[in-house]
Amino acid sequence: MERQTQPVAVQPTRRQFLKTTATAVAAASSLSIERSAHAAGSGVFKIGMIGAGGRCAGAAKDAMDADSDVRLVAACDIHMDRVKGKLEVLKKQKPEQVQVKDSNCFEGLDGYKGVIEASDVVLIANAAKFHPLHTLAAIEAGKHVFCEKPHGIDPYGLKMMARACELAKQKKLCVASGLHSRHHLGYQEAIKRIHDGAIGDIVAIEENFLRQPYGVYRRQEGWTELQSQLGNQYHFVWLSGDDVPQSLVHNMDRASWALHEQAPIKCHGLGGRASSFSEEHGDVFDHHSVVYQFANGVRVYAFCRTEVRCYNEYSSIILGSKGRCDLMRCTIEGENKWKYEGHAPEPHGHEHVVLFDALRKGQVINNGDYMVRSTLMTVMGQISCYTGAEVTWDQICKSDFHFPVKPEDCRMDMEPPTKKGPDGTYPVYVPGATKLI
C-alpha cells in the first residue's frame, strides 16, 4: 500500500493531534530495544487475551491458526465465568496450543495487567473505552499488540492511542489493527485500481452498515449495576462509543483508504432511537446517518442502523467520473470493467498471518496512522449525531473531550456514570440540546 499518501491539506491538523505524543516519544528513546517481546527466529509466541468475548476468542484462534508455535497463556474479563467458558471452547479447538494456568486467569478491571505480564503478544478486544489504555500499558511493558476496532471512543482516548503507537515505533514493537479490510486481497487490488484511475475521479462514496442489534446480556442475579453495564457494554455509550465508531469505522476506514488516506474537513450527522426501548438496550442510538465533506469536494454518505425486522446491507460503493466500484464485491463497472478472480483469504485470519510472519522475521508492523485517523472520523460523526451540530476535523483534533469516567480512573467499586431514569430506562442524548465539545 506504498502508493497511499497523506494529502498536505490535512497534515497540519494531524500534527496538532499528535503533538501530545512528544513526551512519550522522548521517554521511549532511552529504552533498550532488547526489552522488546519475542525475538525473530524460532521459538514460541506467548499470547494473552484481554477480553473473553467472541471477538477476542476469535482473534486468539486466528493467531493460533496463523502460527503453530503460538501458545495462549493468559486471559482476563470482567466476569470469570466468561474466561473459563471461552478457554474451554478454545481448548477443544486447539488442545496443544491453549496452555492457560488457573493462575493466569484474571477478572475485574485490573486483570489486563496480569495478561500483559504473562504474554509476548497481547490481544485486546474488550470494551472499546479501554483499548487505548491497555494498548499503551502493553507497549510500555515491551509487548506487541493486536487491538480490535474501534481504537478509542473519544478524542481523549484516541490521543492516548496515538501516544501508544508512537511509542511502539520507538521501541520497535508491532501494533496491528483489527480494521481487517486492509488485509483483504480483493479490496487491496480494487483500491490499487481506483488509485490508478480505473473509475476516474472519485465523486462520492456511499457507506452502509445496516444490521440487527448487538446481542443483549440481561442482568444476572448478584450483579451490581456496574457489572451489568460492563457485561452489556455494546449498549452503553461510556463503554462502547455507540455504533458509528463500533460499526461504521470499517466503512470509513475503507473510504479514507480510497481517498488516499484523507481525513474529512467537517461532517454533520443525524441519529436517534426509534425502536430499542428497554433496560437491556442501554443509552445508545439505534440509527445514524453522517455526511462527511472532504477538501477535494467529495462527500461520503454513511449510514448505520441496529434495528430488527428492517432492511440490512453492508456495502462500500465508490462512485467515480468513469465508473463505480462495489468494494465489498470486488467489482468495477463502467469504462474499465473488472472483477477480482483471485483467492482472498478471510481477512480476520489473514491479519494475524501477516502479524506473526512479521514477528517471525523481526519486522515491525505499526498501523497507528490509520487506526487513529479512521476511528477519529467516526468519533466526530457520532458526536455530530448526538449534538445535532456540525463538527470540523480541526475541532475534534483539538478537543480533549472524554465520555466519563476516564479509563484509567475506572474501578470495580465505583458507581457507573450512566444511571436509569424514573421509567427504568437509561436517558439518551438529545440532538439540539446536548453539548459535548
Protein backbone atom coordinates (compact mmCIF):
# COMPACT_ATOMS: atom_id res chain seq x y z
CA MET A 1 0.00 0.00 0.00
CA GLU A 2 3.00 2.29 -0.54
CA ARG A 3 1.01 4.24 -3.12
CA GLN A 4 -1.13 5.90 -0.45
CA THR A 5 -0.02 9.30 0.80
CA GLN A 6 -1.36 11.83 3.28
CA PRO A 7 -2.53 14.99 1.44
CA VAL A 8 -0.76 18.17 2.52
CA ALA A 9 -4.12 19.83 3.29
CA VAL A 10 -4.81 17.64 6.30
CA GLN A 11 -1.31 17.28 7.71
CA PRO A 12 -1.23 20.38 9.98
CA THR A 13 -4.27 19.26 11.98
CA ARG A 14 -2.93 15.74 12.25
CA ARG A 15 0.40 17.04 13.56
CA GLN A 16 -1.52 19.07 16.06
CA PHE A 17 -3.44 15.98 17.13
CA LEU A 18 -0.21 14.02 17.62
CA LYS A 19 1.54 16.85 19.44
CA THR A 20 0.69 15.28 22.78
CA THR A 21 2.87 12.25 21.94
CA ALA A 22 6.11 14.22 22.24
CA THR A 23 6.72 13.39 25.90
CA ALA A 24 6.13 9.68 25.38
CA VAL A 25 8.42 9.57 22.36
CA ALA A 26 11.20 11.35 24.21
CA ALA A 27 10.94 8.89 27.09
CA ALA A 28 10.95 5.96 24.70
CA SER A 29 14.28 6.97 23.17
CA SER A 30 16.06 5.91 26.35
CA LEU A 31 14.55 2.40 26.38
CA SER A 32 16.57 -0.55 25.17
CA ILE A 33 15.20 -2.35 22.13
CA GLU A 34 16.43 -5.54 23.79
CA ARG A 35 13.43 -5.29 26.11
CA SER A 36 11.13 -5.92 23.15
CA ALA A 37 9.00 -9.03 23.17
CA HIS A 38 9.70 -12.25 21.26
CA ALA A 39 12.80 -12.06 19.06
CA ALA A 40 12.84 -13.07 15.41
CA GLY A 41 13.50 -16.68 14.52
CA SER A 42 12.32 -19.91 16.06
CA GLY A 43 10.53 -20.33 19.36
CA VAL A 44 7.14 -19.92 20.97
CA PHE A 45 4.96 -16.81 20.95
CA LYS A 46 3.00 -16.43 24.18
CA ILE A 47 -0.30 -14.63 23.60
CA GLY A 48 -2.84 -13.31 26.07
CA MET A 49 -6.47 -12.26 25.73
CA ILE A 50 -7.72 -9.00 27.25
CA GLY A 51 -11.42 -9.72 26.97
CA ALA A 52 -13.15 -13.08 26.79
CA GLY A 53 -15.97 -12.27 24.40
CA GLY A 54 -16.45 -13.79 20.97
CA ARG A 55 -14.18 -11.33 19.17
CA CYS A 56 -11.16 -11.79 21.43
CA ALA A 57 -11.61 -15.57 21.42
CA GLY A 58 -11.84 -15.39 17.63
CA ALA A 59 -8.63 -13.36 17.48
CA ALA A 60 -6.89 -15.92 19.70
CA LYS A 61 -7.93 -18.78 17.43
CA ASP A 62 -6.84 -16.80 14.36
CA ALA A 63 -3.45 -16.20 15.99
CA MET A 64 -3.04 -19.90 16.78
CA ASP A 65 -4.09 -20.80 13.23
CA ALA A 66 -1.55 -18.33 11.87
CA ASP A 67 1.48 -19.88 13.58
CA SER A 68 1.74 -23.34 15.11
CA ASP A 69 4.18 -22.02 17.73
CA VAL A 70 1.63 -19.61 19.20
CA ARG A 71 0.55 -20.52 22.74
CA LEU A 72 -2.37 -18.94 24.58
CA VAL A 73 -1.13 -18.46 28.15
CA ALA A 74 -3.38 -15.86 29.82
CA ALA A 75 -6.86 -14.36 29.68
CA CYS A 76 -8.98 -11.84 31.55
CA ASP A 77 -12.51 -10.48 31.58
CA ILE A 78 -14.85 -8.65 33.92
CA HIS A 79 -16.57 -11.97 34.63
CA MET A 80 -14.51 -15.10 35.39
CA ASP A 81 -17.21 -17.41 34.02
CA ARG A 82 -16.63 -15.89 30.57
CA VAL A 83 -12.90 -16.53 30.86
CA LYS A 84 -13.45 -20.17 31.80
CA GLY A 85 -16.14 -20.66 29.17
CA LYS A 86 -14.10 -19.27 26.29
CA LEU A 87 -10.98 -21.17 27.33
CA GLU A 88 -12.95 -24.40 27.39
CA VAL A 89 -14.10 -23.80 23.82
CA LEU A 90 -10.63 -22.83 22.62
CA LYS A 91 -9.05 -25.83 24.37
CA LYS A 92 -11.28 -28.15 22.35
CA GLN A 93 -10.29 -26.37 19.13
CA LYS A 94 -6.56 -26.04 19.88
CA PRO A 95 -5.69 -28.57 22.62
CA GLU A 96 -1.90 -28.31 22.14
CA GLN A 97 -1.79 -24.52 21.93
CA VAL A 98 -4.10 -23.46 24.77
CA GLN A 99 -1.92 -23.56 27.89
CA VAL A 100 -3.60 -21.21 30.36
CA LYS A 101 -2.98 -22.00 34.01
CA ASP A 102 -5.59 -21.05 36.60
CA SER A 103 -3.09 -18.53 37.97
CA ASN A 104 -3.15 -16.74 34.61
CA CYS A 105 -6.94 -16.31 34.56
CA PHE A 106 -7.83 -12.83 35.76
CA GLU A 107 -11.08 -10.92 36.34
CA GLY A 108 -12.02 -7.33 37.04
CA LEU A 109 -10.84 -4.04 35.60
CA ASP A 110 -7.20 -4.64 36.57
CA GLY A 111 -6.98 -8.12 35.06
CA TYR A 112 -5.27 -6.74 31.96
CA LYS A 113 -2.09 -6.18 33.98
CA GLY A 114 -1.65 -9.91 34.64
CA VAL A 115 -2.27 -10.75 30.97
CA ILE A 116 0.34 -8.23 29.81
CA GLU A 117 2.92 -9.55 32.25
CA ALA A 118 2.44 -13.17 31.09
CA SER A 119 2.43 -12.53 27.32
CA ASP A 120 4.68 -11.67 24.40
CA VAL A 121 1.75 -10.56 22.21
CA VAL A 122 -1.39 -9.06 23.73
CA LEU A 123 -4.77 -9.40 22.01
CA ILE A 124 -7.12 -6.57 23.02
CA ALA A 125 -10.83 -6.97 22.27
CA ASN A 126 -12.84 -5.81 25.25
CA ALA A 127 -14.90 -2.66 25.87
CA ALA A 128 -13.53 -0.10 23.41
CA LYS A 129 -13.20 2.54 26.12
CA PHE A 130 -10.19 0.63 27.44
CA HIS A 131 -8.45 -0.11 24.12
CA PRO A 132 -6.11 2.92 24.30
CA LEU A 133 -5.23 2.39 27.97
CA HIS A 134 -4.49 -1.29 27.53
CA THR A 135 -2.52 -0.73 24.31
CA LEU A 136 -0.37 1.90 25.99
CA ALA A 137 0.21 -0.33 29.03
CA ALA A 138 1.27 -3.25 26.81
CA ILE A 139 3.66 -1.10 24.76
CA GLU A 140 5.17 0.42 27.90
CA ALA A 141 5.77 -3.15 29.12
CA GLY A 142 7.58 -4.04 25.87
CA LYS A 143 4.85 -6.25 24.39
CA HIS A 144 3.46 -6.47 20.86
CA VAL A 145 -0.23 -5.65 20.41
CA PHE A 146 -3.17 -6.66 18.28
CA CYS A 147 -6.04 -4.27 19.04
CA GLU A 148 -9.58 -4.63 17.77
CA LYS A 149 -11.61 -1.72 16.48
CA PRO A 150 -12.64 0.87 17.45
CA HIS A 151 -9.34 2.18 18.74
CA GLY A 152 -10.96 4.64 21.11
CA ILE A 153 -14.36 6.21 21.68
CA ASP A 154 -13.49 9.88 22.21
CA PRO A 155 -10.71 12.40 21.45
CA TYR A 156 -9.08 11.82 24.85
CA GLY A 157 -8.76 8.09 24.24
CA LEU A 158 -7.51 8.50 20.69
CA LYS A 159 -4.75 10.85 21.80
CA MET A 160 -3.70 8.11 24.22
CA MET A 161 -3.78 5.58 21.37
CA ALA A 162 -1.66 7.91 19.22
CA ARG A 163 0.91 8.14 22.02
CA ALA A 164 0.96 4.35 22.32
CA CYS A 165 1.55 3.89 18.59
CA GLU A 166 4.34 6.48 18.51
CA LEU A 167 5.96 4.81 21.50
CA ALA A 168 5.74 1.45 19.73
CA LYS A 169 7.66 2.90 16.77
CA GLN A 170 10.47 3.97 19.08
CA LYS A 171 10.58 0.58 20.81
CA LYS A 172 10.25 -1.36 17.52
CA LEU A 173 7.12 -3.13 18.70
CA CYS A 174 4.23 -4.19 16.49
CA VAL A 175 0.79 -2.58 16.78
CA ALA A 176 -1.68 -4.35 14.50
CA SER A 177 -5.23 -3.14 13.94
CA GLY A 178 -8.46 -5.12 13.75
CA LEU A 179 -9.56 -2.97 10.79
CA HIS A 180 -9.35 -6.12 8.72
CA SER A 181 -10.40 -4.62 5.36
CA ARG A 182 -6.77 -3.63 4.85
CA HIS A 183 -5.90 -7.35 4.71
CA HIS A 184 -8.50 -8.38 2.14
CA LEU A 185 -6.56 -9.12 -1.05
CA GLY A 186 -9.54 -8.31 -3.27
CA TYR A 187 -10.03 -4.93 -1.62
CA GLN A 188 -6.31 -4.22 -1.98
CA GLU A 189 -6.46 -4.85 -5.72
CA ALA A 190 -9.64 -2.79 -6.12
CA ILE A 191 -8.16 0.18 -4.23
CA LYS A 192 -4.99 -0.03 -6.32
CA ARG A 193 -7.09 0.14 -9.49
CA ILE A 194 -9.08 3.09 -8.13
CA HIS A 195 -5.83 4.91 -7.37
CA ASP A 196 -4.63 4.10 -10.89
CA GLY A 197 -7.73 5.84 -12.32
CA ALA A 198 -9.99 2.89 -13.16
CA ILE A 199 -13.13 4.79 -12.16
CA GLY A 200 -11.77 8.27 -12.88
CA ASP A 201 -12.05 10.89 -10.17
CA ILE A 202 -14.00 9.85 -7.09
CA VAL A 203 -17.20 11.88 -6.97
CA ALA A 204 -18.94 10.43 -3.89
CA ILE A 205 -18.96 7.36 -1.65
CA GLU A 206 -21.92 5.58 -0.06
CA GLU A 207 -21.25 3.53 3.07
CA ASN A 208 -23.80 1.20 4.70
CA PHE A 209 -23.72 -0.93 7.84
CA LEU A 210 -27.38 -1.83 8.42
CA ARG A 211 -27.87 -4.88 10.63
CA GLN A 212 -29.52 -6.49 13.62
CA PRO A 213 -28.70 -5.12 17.09
CA TYR A 214 -25.82 -6.44 19.11
CA GLY A 215 -26.90 -9.21 21.46
CA VAL A 216 -28.09 -8.10 24.89
CA TYR A 217 -26.97 -9.59 28.18
CA ARG A 218 -29.62 -9.41 30.86
CA ARG A 219 -28.66 -8.60 34.40
CA GLN A 220 -27.65 -11.70 36.34
CA GLU A 221 -28.57 -12.31 39.95
CA GLY A 222 -25.97 -10.80 42.23
CA TRP A 223 -24.53 -8.41 39.65
CA THR A 224 -24.01 -4.80 40.63
CA GLU A 225 -25.17 -2.05 38.30
CA LEU A 226 -21.56 -1.60 37.15
CA GLN A 227 -21.13 -5.32 36.44
CA SER A 228 -24.37 -5.32 34.49
CA GLN A 229 -23.28 -2.42 32.29
CA LEU A 230 -19.81 -3.85 31.76
CA GLY A 231 -21.34 -7.18 30.79
CA ASN A 232 -23.63 -5.42 28.30
CA GLN A 233 -21.01 -2.94 27.09
CA TYR A 234 -22.13 -2.54 23.47
CA HIS A 235 -25.31 -0.84 24.68
CA PHE A 236 -23.66 1.84 26.82
CA VAL A 237 -22.05 4.90 25.30
CA TRP A 238 -19.42 5.37 28.01
CA LEU A 239 -18.07 1.88 27.25
CA SER A 240 -18.59 1.34 23.51
CA GLY A 241 -18.89 4.78 21.95
CA ASP A 242 -22.08 3.69 20.11
CA ASP A 243 -22.50 2.36 16.60
CA VAL A 244 -20.70 4.89 14.39
CA PRO A 245 -17.32 4.01 15.96
CA GLN A 246 -18.33 0.39 16.55
CA SER A 247 -19.61 -0.44 13.06
CA LEU A 248 -19.03 2.37 10.57
CA VAL A 249 -15.35 2.50 11.48
CA HIS A 250 -14.77 -0.31 8.96
CA ASN A 251 -16.61 1.65 6.28
CA MET A 252 -14.91 4.95 7.00
CA ASP A 253 -11.53 3.25 7.05
CA ARG A 254 -12.20 1.95 3.54
CA ALA A 255 -13.44 5.39 2.41
CA SER A 256 -10.34 7.14 3.73
CA TRP A 257 -8.17 4.45 2.11
CA ALA A 258 -9.84 5.02 -1.26
CA LEU A 259 -9.33 8.78 -0.85
CA HIS A 260 -5.55 8.39 -0.37
CA GLU A 261 -5.82 8.44 3.45
CA GLN A 262 -7.59 11.78 3.62
CA ALA A 263 -9.47 12.95 6.67
CA PRO A 264 -12.67 14.97 6.23
CA ILE A 265 -12.76 18.70 6.88
CA LYS A 266 -16.20 18.52 8.54
CA CYS A 267 -19.33 16.44 8.95
CA HIS A 268 -22.96 16.65 10.01
CA GLY A 269 -24.95 13.77 11.41
CA LEU A 270 -28.48 12.71 12.29
CA GLY A 271 -29.45 9.96 14.69
CA GLY A 272 -31.71 8.79 17.48
CA ARG A 273 -33.58 5.86 18.94
CA ALA A 274 -36.72 4.60 17.23
CA SER A 275 -37.40 1.09 18.50
CA SER A 276 -34.92 -0.18 21.11
CA PHE A 277 -36.66 0.87 24.32
CA SER A 278 -35.66 -1.37 27.22
CA GLU A 279 -33.22 -1.55 30.10
CA GLU A 280 -31.03 -4.01 28.17
CA HIS A 281 -30.58 -1.59 25.27
CA GLY A 282 -28.85 0.96 27.50
CA ASP A 283 -28.42 4.51 26.19
CA VAL A 284 -27.19 4.03 22.60
CA PHE A 285 -28.94 5.22 19.44
CA ASP A 286 -30.33 2.63 17.01
CA HIS A 287 -29.88 4.62 13.77
CA HIS A 288 -27.31 7.10 12.46
CA SER A 289 -26.60 8.99 9.24
CA VAL A 290 -23.42 11.03 8.77
CA VAL A 291 -22.34 13.14 5.78
CA TYR A 292 -18.59 13.76 5.61
CA GLN A 293 -17.16 16.50 3.40
CA PHE A 294 -13.56 16.33 2.16
CA ALA A 295 -11.27 19.11 0.97
CA ASN A 296 -11.50 17.99 -2.67
CA GLY A 297 -15.30 18.32 -2.61
CA VAL A 298 -16.06 14.61 -2.26
CA ARG A 299 -18.85 13.70 0.14
CA VAL A 300 -19.17 10.38 1.93
CA TYR A 301 -22.72 9.40 2.88
CA ALA A 302 -22.52 6.94 5.77
CA PHE A 303 -25.41 5.04 7.35
CA CYS A 304 -25.71 2.53 10.19
CA ARG A 305 -28.73 1.01 11.89
CA THR A 306 -29.29 -1.65 14.56
CA GLU A 307 -32.98 -2.49 14.42
CA VAL A 308 -34.94 -5.73 13.99
CA ARG A 309 -37.22 -6.55 11.05
CA CYS A 310 -35.55 -3.93 8.83
CA TYR A 311 -33.61 -3.98 5.56
CA ASN A 312 -29.94 -4.91 6.07
CA GLU A 313 -26.95 -4.02 3.91
CA TYR A 314 -23.17 -4.00 4.36
CA SER A 315 -21.53 -2.13 1.48
CA SER A 316 -18.97 0.40 0.28
CA ILE A 317 -19.95 1.94 -3.06
CA ILE A 318 -17.35 4.27 -4.60
CA LEU A 319 -18.72 6.47 -7.39
CA GLY A 320 -16.30 7.86 -9.97
CA SER A 321 -16.42 10.00 -13.10
CA LYS A 322 -15.72 6.93 -15.27
CA GLY A 323 -17.33 4.11 -13.32
CA ARG A 324 -18.36 2.63 -9.99
CA CYS A 325 -16.60 0.26 -7.61
CA ASP A 326 -18.60 -2.08 -5.37
CA LEU A 327 -15.71 -2.65 -3.00
CA MET A 328 -17.30 -5.43 -0.95
CA ARG A 329 -17.98 -7.40 -4.14
CA CYS A 330 -14.57 -6.51 -5.61
CA THR A 331 -16.11 -5.30 -8.88
CA ILE A 332 -15.80 -2.23 -11.09
CA GLU A 333 -18.48 -1.19 -13.60
CA GLY A 334 -18.01 1.42 -16.31
CA GLU A 335 -15.22 2.14 -18.79
CA ASN A 336 -12.80 -0.28 -17.11
CA LYS A 337 -15.00 -3.20 -16.09
CA TRP A 338 -13.28 -5.60 -13.68
CA LYS A 339 -13.95 -8.36 -11.18
CA TYR A 340 -11.48 -9.85 -8.74
CA GLU A 341 -10.91 -13.51 -9.60
CA GLY A 342 -8.10 -14.33 -7.21
CA HIS A 343 -8.15 -16.16 -3.91
CA ALA A 344 -8.83 -13.89 -0.94
CA PRO A 345 -8.12 -15.42 2.49
CA GLU A 346 -10.61 -14.49 5.21
CA PRO A 347 -9.22 -11.14 6.41
CA HIS A 348 -9.81 -11.73 10.14
CA GLY A 349 -7.39 -14.64 9.90
CA HIS A 350 -5.07 -13.12 7.32
CA GLU A 351 -4.29 -10.10 9.51
CA HIS A 352 -2.80 -12.50 12.07
CA VAL A 353 -0.85 -14.36 9.39
CA VAL A 354 0.69 -11.01 8.42
CA LEU A 355 1.41 -10.08 12.04
CA PHE A 356 3.08 -13.32 13.10
CA ASP A 357 5.01 -13.59 9.85
CA ALA A 358 6.42 -10.12 10.57
CA LEU A 359 7.27 -11.10 14.15
CA ARG A 360 8.98 -14.26 12.92
CA LYS A 361 11.11 -12.18 10.53
CA GLY A 362 11.90 -9.46 13.07
CA GLN A 363 9.89 -6.88 11.12
CA VAL A 364 7.76 -4.13 12.65
CA ILE A 365 4.11 -3.52 11.77
CA ASN A 366 2.58 -0.28 13.02
CA ASN A 367 -0.96 0.54 11.85
CA GLY A 368 -1.24 3.54 14.16
CA ASP A 369 -1.71 6.13 11.44
CA TYR A 370 -4.95 4.77 10.01
CA MET A 371 -6.05 3.30 13.34
CA VAL A 372 -6.27 6.78 14.83
CA ARG A 373 -7.48 8.63 11.74
CA SER A 374 -10.29 6.26 10.81
CA THR A 375 -11.55 5.97 14.38
CA LEU A 376 -11.43 9.72 14.95
CA MET A 377 -13.54 10.19 11.81
CA THR A 378 -16.25 8.04 13.35
CA VAL A 379 -15.99 9.78 16.73
CA MET A 380 -16.61 13.17 15.08
CA GLY A 381 -19.61 11.67 13.27
CA GLN A 382 -21.01 10.18 16.47
CA ILE A 383 -20.67 13.46 18.35
CA SER A 384 -22.41 15.27 15.50
CA CYS A 385 -25.31 12.80 15.72
CA TYR A 386 -25.58 13.30 19.48
CA THR A 387 -25.45 17.09 19.40
CA GLY A 388 -27.05 17.89 16.04
CA ALA A 389 -24.14 20.26 15.36
CA GLU A 390 -21.67 20.33 12.50
CA VAL A 391 -18.27 19.10 13.70
CA THR A 392 -15.00 20.03 11.98
CA TRP A 393 -11.82 17.97 11.84
CA ASP A 394 -9.94 20.81 13.48
CA GLN A 395 -12.43 20.84 16.36
CA ILE A 396 -12.19 17.13 17.01
CA CYS A 397 -8.38 17.12 16.80
CA LYS A 398 -8.08 19.96 19.32
CA SER A 399 -10.64 18.50 21.74
CA ASP A 400 -9.77 16.62 24.92
CA PHE A 401 -13.37 15.51 25.45
CA HIS A 402 -13.97 12.12 27.04
CA PHE A 403 -17.06 10.17 27.98
CA PRO A 404 -16.76 9.93 31.76
CA VAL A 405 -15.15 8.17 33.57
CA LYS A 406 -11.58 8.31 32.16
CA PRO A 407 -10.45 4.72 31.54
CA GLU A 408 -7.53 4.93 33.97
CA ASP A 409 -9.91 6.08 36.74
CA CYS A 410 -12.43 3.25 36.42
CA ARG A 411 -12.73 0.97 39.45
CA MET A 412 -14.93 -2.02 40.24
CA ASP A 413 -16.32 -0.29 43.33
CA MET A 414 -17.38 2.90 41.52
CA GLU A 415 -20.86 3.98 40.50
CA PRO A 416 -21.32 3.87 36.70
CA PRO A 417 -21.71 7.31 35.08
CA THR A 418 -24.93 6.28 33.30
CA LYS A 419 -27.97 5.89 35.54
CA LYS A 420 -31.58 4.88 34.94
CA GLY A 421 -34.33 7.43 34.65
CA PRO A 422 -37.65 7.31 36.57
CA ASP A 423 -39.18 4.98 33.95
CA GLY A 424 -36.47 2.33 34.43
CA THR A 425 -34.65 3.04 31.15
CA TYR A 426 -31.46 4.98 30.53
CA PRO A 427 -31.75 8.52 29.10
CA VAL A 428 -30.25 9.14 25.67
CA TYR A 429 -28.58 12.21 24.20
CA VAL A 430 -30.91 14.82 22.63
CA PRO A 431 -29.72 16.43 19.37
CA GLY A 432 -30.09 20.21 19.55
CA ALA A 433 -29.88 20.19 23.34
CA THR A 434 -26.80 18.05 24.06
CA LYS A 435 -23.43 19.83 24.23
CA LEU A 436 -20.25 17.72 24.19
CA ILE A 437 -17.36 19.64 22.58
